[in-house]
């Protein structure tokens, strides 16, 4: 991934607006999305298009890694960003003003068992999302290169 490539932001209008504020203010606006709920920006490479795609995600911590949940609100299919990083785990991350490359990996079942309560403590709706779908909602770890 190179920073001089164009990046396509989420097609969801309110998410794109959130991303724009986040980027324009170096995270001063948008890092804390709601009181006590923090977001990061994740950029993946499209598995079919090859384009860089950016979205905002709620995150938690696991040691030095960042944890994100591929919930898509409990939809029956995985979010595109998750499918993208399965094909290309090298990603770009922005947390506040800190921008870095990372390697994404799906949490092991043992890691997920430990992290799920952490993530539902941050965003309780994750439990509702899991109840809405038959798919096992993955937790992804983003480990700085």
C-alpha atoms as a PDB file:
ATOM      1  CA  UNK A   1       0.000   0.000   0.000  1.00  0.00           C
ATOM      2  CA  UNK A   2       1.258   3.413  -0.876  1.00  0.00           C
ATOM      3  CA  UNK A   3      -0.046   6.676   0.467  1.00  0.00           C
ATOM      4  CA  UNK A   4      -0.088   8.295  -2.981  1.00  0.00           C
ATOM      5  CA  UNK A   5      -2.809   5.895  -4.192  1.00  0.00           C
ATOM      6  CA  UNK A   6      -6.353   7.184  -4.000  1.00  0.00           C
ATOM      7  CA  UNK A   7      -8.442   5.765  -1.185  1.00  0.00           C
ATOM      8  CA  UNK A   8     -12.156   5.080  -1.484  1.00  0.00           C
ATOM      9  CA  UNK A   9     -14.093   5.755   1.699  1.00  0.00           C
ATOM     10  CA  UNK A  10     -17.118   3.837   2.868  1.00  0.00           C
ATOM     11  CA  UNK A  11     -20.117   4.192   0.534  1.00  0.00           C
ATOM     12  CA  UNK A  12     -22.303   4.746   3.605  1.00  0.00           C
ATOM     13  CA  UNK A  13     -22.730   8.532   3.796  1.00  0.00           C
ATOM     14  CA  UNK A  14     -22.527   9.015   7.582  1.00  0.00           C
ATOM     15  CA  UNK A  15     -19.454   6.743   7.771  1.00  0.00           C
ATOM     16  CA  UNK A  16     -17.756   8.653   4.936  1.00  0.00           C
ATOM     17  CA  UNK A  17     -18.477  11.939   6.745  1.00  0.00           C
ATOM     18  CA  UNK A  18     -17.011  10.476   9.960  1.00  0.00           C
ATOM     19  CA  UNK A  19     -13.878   9.355   8.058  1.00  0.00           C
ATOM     20  CA  UNK A  20     -13.448  12.780   6.421  1.00  0.00           C
ATOM     21  CA  UNK A  21     -13.629  14.571   9.795  1.00  0.00           C
ATOM     22  CA  UNK A  22     -11.217  12.035  11.291  1.00  0.00           C
ATOM     23  CA  UNK A  23      -8.661  12.462   8.494  1.00  0.00           C
ATOM     24  CA  UNK A  24      -8.991  16.263   8.217  1.00  0.00           C
ATOM     25  CA  UNK A  25      -8.475  16.757  11.973  1.00  0.00           C
ATOM     26  CA  UNK A  26      -5.835  14.040  12.451  1.00  0.00           C
ATOM     27  CA  UNK A  27      -8.287  12.206  14.677  1.00  0.00           C
ATOM     28  CA  UNK A  28      -9.102  15.179  16.926  1.00  0.00           C
ATOM     29  CA  UNK A  29     -12.690  14.745  15.701  1.00  0.00           C
ATOM     30  CA  UNK A  30     -13.877  11.197  15.210  1.00  0.00           C
ATOM     31  CA  UNK A  31     -11.388   9.201  17.257  1.00  0.00           C
ATOM     32  CA  UNK A  32     -13.837   9.362  20.148  1.00  0.00           C
ATOM     33  CA  UNK A  33     -17.054   8.642  18.276  1.00  0.00           C
ATOM     34  CA  UNK A  34     -19.429   8.529  21.214  1.00  0.00           C
ATOM     35  CA  UNK A  35     -18.647   9.030  24.880  1.00  0.00           C
ATOM     36  CA  UNK A  36     -16.079   6.359  25.706  1.00  0.00           C
ATOM     37  CA  UNK A  37     -16.320   4.637  22.306  1.00  0.00           C
ATOM     38  CA  UNK A  38     -13.200   5.057  20.195  1.00  0.00           C
ATOM     39  CA  UNK A  39     -12.749   4.363  16.496  1.00  0.00           C
ATOM     40  CA  UNK A  40      -9.869   3.728  14.174  1.00  0.00           C
ATOM     41  CA  UNK A  41      -9.638   3.960  10.412  1.00  0.00           C
ATOM     42  CA  UNK A  42      -8.836   0.734   8.591  1.00  0.00           C
ATOM     43  CA  UNK A  43      -7.684   0.710   4.969  1.00  0.00           C
ATOM     44  CA  UNK A  44      -7.732  -2.580   3.079  1.00  0.00           C
ATOM     45  CA  UNK A  45      -7.066  -3.483  -0.540  1.00  0.00           C
ATOM     46  CA  UNK A  46     -10.201  -4.549  -2.414  1.00  0.00           C
ATOM     47  CA  UNK A  47      -9.998  -8.251  -3.196  1.00  0.00           C
ATOM     48  CA  UNK A  48     -11.628  -7.814  -6.607  1.00  0.00           C
ATOM     49  CA  UNK A  49     -10.969  -4.169  -7.530  1.00  0.00           C
ATOM     50  CA  UNK A  50      -7.477  -3.795  -6.096  1.00  0.00           C
ATOM     51  CA  UNK A  51      -8.529  -0.323  -4.865  1.00  0.00           C
ATOM     52  CA  UNK A  52      -7.722   0.925  -1.374  1.00  0.00           C
ATOM     53  CA  UNK A  53     -10.861   1.072   0.756  1.00  0.00           C
ATOM     54  CA  UNK A  54     -11.206   2.812   4.115  1.00  0.00           C
ATOM     55  CA  UNK A  55     -13.751   2.433   6.879  1.00  0.00           C
ATOM     56  CA  UNK A  56     -14.134   3.484  10.504  1.00  0.00           C
ATOM     57  CA  UNK A  57     -14.417   0.787  13.162  1.00  0.00           C
ATOM     58  CA  UNK A  58     -14.874   0.644  16.912  1.00  0.00           C
ATOM     59  CA  UNK A  59     -11.781  -0.834  18.514  1.00  0.00           C
ATOM     60  CA  UNK A  60     -10.490  -2.370  21.701  1.00  0.00           C
ATOM     61  CA  UNK A  61      -6.994  -3.385  22.755  1.00  0.00           C
ATOM     62  CA  UNK A  62      -5.282  -6.712  23.223  1.00  0.00           C
ATOM     63  CA  UNK A  63      -1.770  -5.996  24.410  1.00  0.00           C
ATOM     64  CA  UNK A  64      -0.132  -4.006  21.619  1.00  0.00           C
ATOM     65  CA  UNK A  65      -2.732  -5.091  19.039  1.00  0.00           C
ATOM     66  CA  UNK A  66      -6.004  -3.392  18.162  1.00  0.00           C
ATOM     67  CA  UNK A  67      -9.137  -5.564  18.116  1.00  0.00           C
ATOM     68  CA  UNK A  68     -12.074  -4.922  15.772  1.00  0.00           C
ATOM     69  CA  UNK A  69     -15.292  -6.861  15.236  1.00  0.00           C
ATOM     70  CA  UNK A  70     -16.543  -7.886  11.762  1.00  0.00           C
ATOM     71  CA  UNK A  71     -20.195  -7.594  12.764  1.00  0.00           C
ATOM     72  CA  UNK A  72     -21.853  -5.665   9.929  1.00  0.00           C
ATOM     73  CA  UNK A  73     -24.758  -5.156  12.318  1.00  0.00           C
ATOM     74  CA  UNK A  74     -25.516  -8.886  12.350  1.00  0.00           C
ATOM     75  CA  UNK A  75     -25.975  -9.157   8.578  1.00  0.00           C
ATOM     76  CA  UNK A  76     -25.802 -12.697   7.177  1.00  0.00           C
ATOM     77  CA  UNK A  77     -22.608 -11.915   5.222  1.00  0.00           C
ATOM     78  CA  UNK A  78     -19.237 -10.706   6.404  1.00  0.00           C
ATOM     79  CA  UNK A  79     -18.369  -7.040   5.784  1.00  0.00           C
ATOM     80  CA  UNK A  80     -16.302  -6.310   2.662  1.00  0.00           C
ATOM     81  CA  UNK A  81     -13.357  -4.998   4.708  1.00  0.00           C
ATOM     82  CA  UNK A  82     -13.102  -8.366   6.467  1.00  0.00           C
ATOM     83  CA  UNK A  83     -13.171 -10.323   3.197  1.00  0.00           C
ATOM     84  CA  UNK A  84     -10.545  -7.944   1.813  1.00  0.00           C
ATOM     85  CA  UNK A  85      -8.102  -8.499   4.653  1.00  0.00           C
ATOM     86  CA  UNK A  86      -8.502 -12.272   4.396  1.00  0.00           C
ATOM     87  CA  UNK A  87      -7.053 -11.953   0.871  1.00  0.00           C
ATOM     88  CA  UNK A  88      -4.497  -9.264   1.780  1.00  0.00           C
ATOM     89  CA  UNK A  89      -3.705  -9.001   5.500  1.00  0.00           C
ATOM     90  CA  UNK A  90      -1.345  -6.032   5.065  1.00  0.00           C
ATOM     91  CA  UNK A  91      -3.457  -3.012   6.053  1.00  0.00           C
ATOM     92  CA  UNK A  92      -3.143   0.656   6.957  1.00  0.00           C
ATOM     93  CA  UNK A  93      -4.467   1.877  10.287  1.00  0.00           C
ATOM     94  CA  UNK A  94      -5.021   5.311  11.761  1.00  0.00           C
ATOM     95  CA  UNK A  95      -5.673   5.660  15.498  1.00  0.00           C
ATOM     96  CA  UNK A  96      -6.045   9.321  16.358  1.00  0.00           C
ATOM     97  CA  UNK A  97      -3.071  11.001  14.675  1.00  0.00           C
ATOM     98  CA  UNK A  98      -1.014   7.783  14.612  1.00  0.00           C
ATOM     99  CA  UNK A  99      -0.840   6.180  11.147  1.00  0.00           C
ATOM    100  CA  UNK A 100       0.883   2.838  10.610  1.00  0.00           C
ATOM    101  CA  UNK A 101       0.921  -0.381   8.628  1.00  0.00           C
ATOM    102  CA  UNK A 102      -0.298  -3.520  10.311  1.00  0.00           C
ATOM    103  CA  UNK A 103      -0.895  -7.187   9.697  1.00  0.00           C
ATOM    104  CA  UNK A 104      -4.484  -8.303  10.240  1.00  0.00           C
ATOM    105  CA  UNK A 105      -5.377 -11.752  11.501  1.00  0.00           C
ATOM    106  CA  UNK A 106      -8.504 -13.439  12.757  1.00  0.00           C
ATOM    107  CA  UNK A 107      -8.408 -14.057  16.497  1.00  0.00           C
ATOM    108  CA  UNK A 108      -8.105 -17.721  17.466  1.00  0.00           C
ATOM    109  CA  UNK A 109     -11.112 -19.245  19.255  1.00  0.00           C
ATOM    110  CA  UNK A 110      -9.271 -18.827  22.582  1.00  0.00           C
ATOM    111  CA  UNK A 111      -8.443 -15.188  21.829  1.00  0.00           C
ATOM    112  CA  UNK A 112     -12.015 -14.520  20.725  1.00  0.00           C
ATOM    113  CA  UNK A 113     -13.385 -16.043  23.942  1.00  0.00           C
ATOM    114  CA  UNK A 114     -11.245 -13.567  25.886  1.00  0.00           C
ATOM    115  CA  UNK A 115     -11.846 -10.570  23.601  1.00  0.00           C
ATOM    116  CA  UNK A 116     -15.587 -10.868  22.950  1.00  0.00           C
ATOM    117  CA  UNK A 117     -16.510  -9.667  26.468  1.00  0.00           C
ATOM    118  CA  UNK A 118     -14.012  -6.802  26.099  1.00  0.00           C
ATOM    119  CA  UNK A 119     -15.602  -5.729  22.825  1.00  0.00           C
ATOM    120  CA  UNK A 120     -19.197  -6.088  24.087  1.00  0.00           C
ATOM    121  CA  UNK A 121     -18.159  -4.018  27.090  1.00  0.00           C
ATOM    122  CA  UNK A 122     -17.273  -1.262  24.621  1.00  0.00           C
ATOM    123  CA  UNK A 123     -20.265  -1.819  22.298  1.00  0.00           C
ATOM    124  CA  UNK A 124     -22.962  -4.021  23.912  1.00  0.00           C
ATOM    125  CA  UNK A 125     -24.905  -4.275  20.624  1.00  0.00           C
ATOM    126  CA  UNK A 126     -22.337  -6.823  19.377  1.00  0.00           C
ATOM    127  CA  UNK A 127     -24.220  -9.463  21.384  1.00  0.00           C
ATOM    128  CA  UNK A 128     -27.463  -8.445  19.631  1.00  0.00           C
ATOM    129  CA  UNK A 129     -25.726  -8.590  16.256  1.00  0.00           C
ATOM    130  CA  UNK A 130     -24.458 -12.122  16.963  1.00  0.00           C
ATOM    131  CA  UNK A 131     -27.969 -13.204  17.971  1.00  0.00           C
ATOM    132  CA  UNK A 132     -29.335 -11.913  14.614  1.00  0.00           C
ATOM    133  CA  UNK A 133     -27.069 -14.053  12.409  1.00  0.00           C
ATOM    134  CA  UNK A 134     -26.065 -17.666  11.973  1.00  0.00           C
ATOM    135  CA  UNK A 135     -22.494 -16.736  11.070  1.00  0.00           C
ATOM    136  CA  UNK A 136     -19.837 -16.601  13.746  1.00  0.00           C
ATOM    137  CA  UNK A 137     -18.874 -12.931  13.930  1.00  0.00           C
ATOM    138  CA  UNK A 138     -15.067 -12.731  13.837  1.00  0.00           C
ATOM    139  CA  UNK A 139     -12.793 -10.633  15.980  1.00  0.00           C
ATOM    140  CA  UNK A 140      -9.766  -9.361  14.056  1.00  0.00           C
ATOM    141  CA  UNK A 141      -6.449  -8.345  15.541  1.00  0.00           C
ATOM    142  CA  UNK A 142      -4.416  -5.590  13.895  1.00  0.00           C
ATOM    143  CA  UNK A 143      -0.754  -5.972  14.790  1.00  0.00           C
ATOM    144  CA  UNK A 144       1.612  -3.114  13.998  1.00  0.00           C
ATOM    145  CA  UNK A 145       4.429  -3.977  11.576  1.00  0.00           C
END
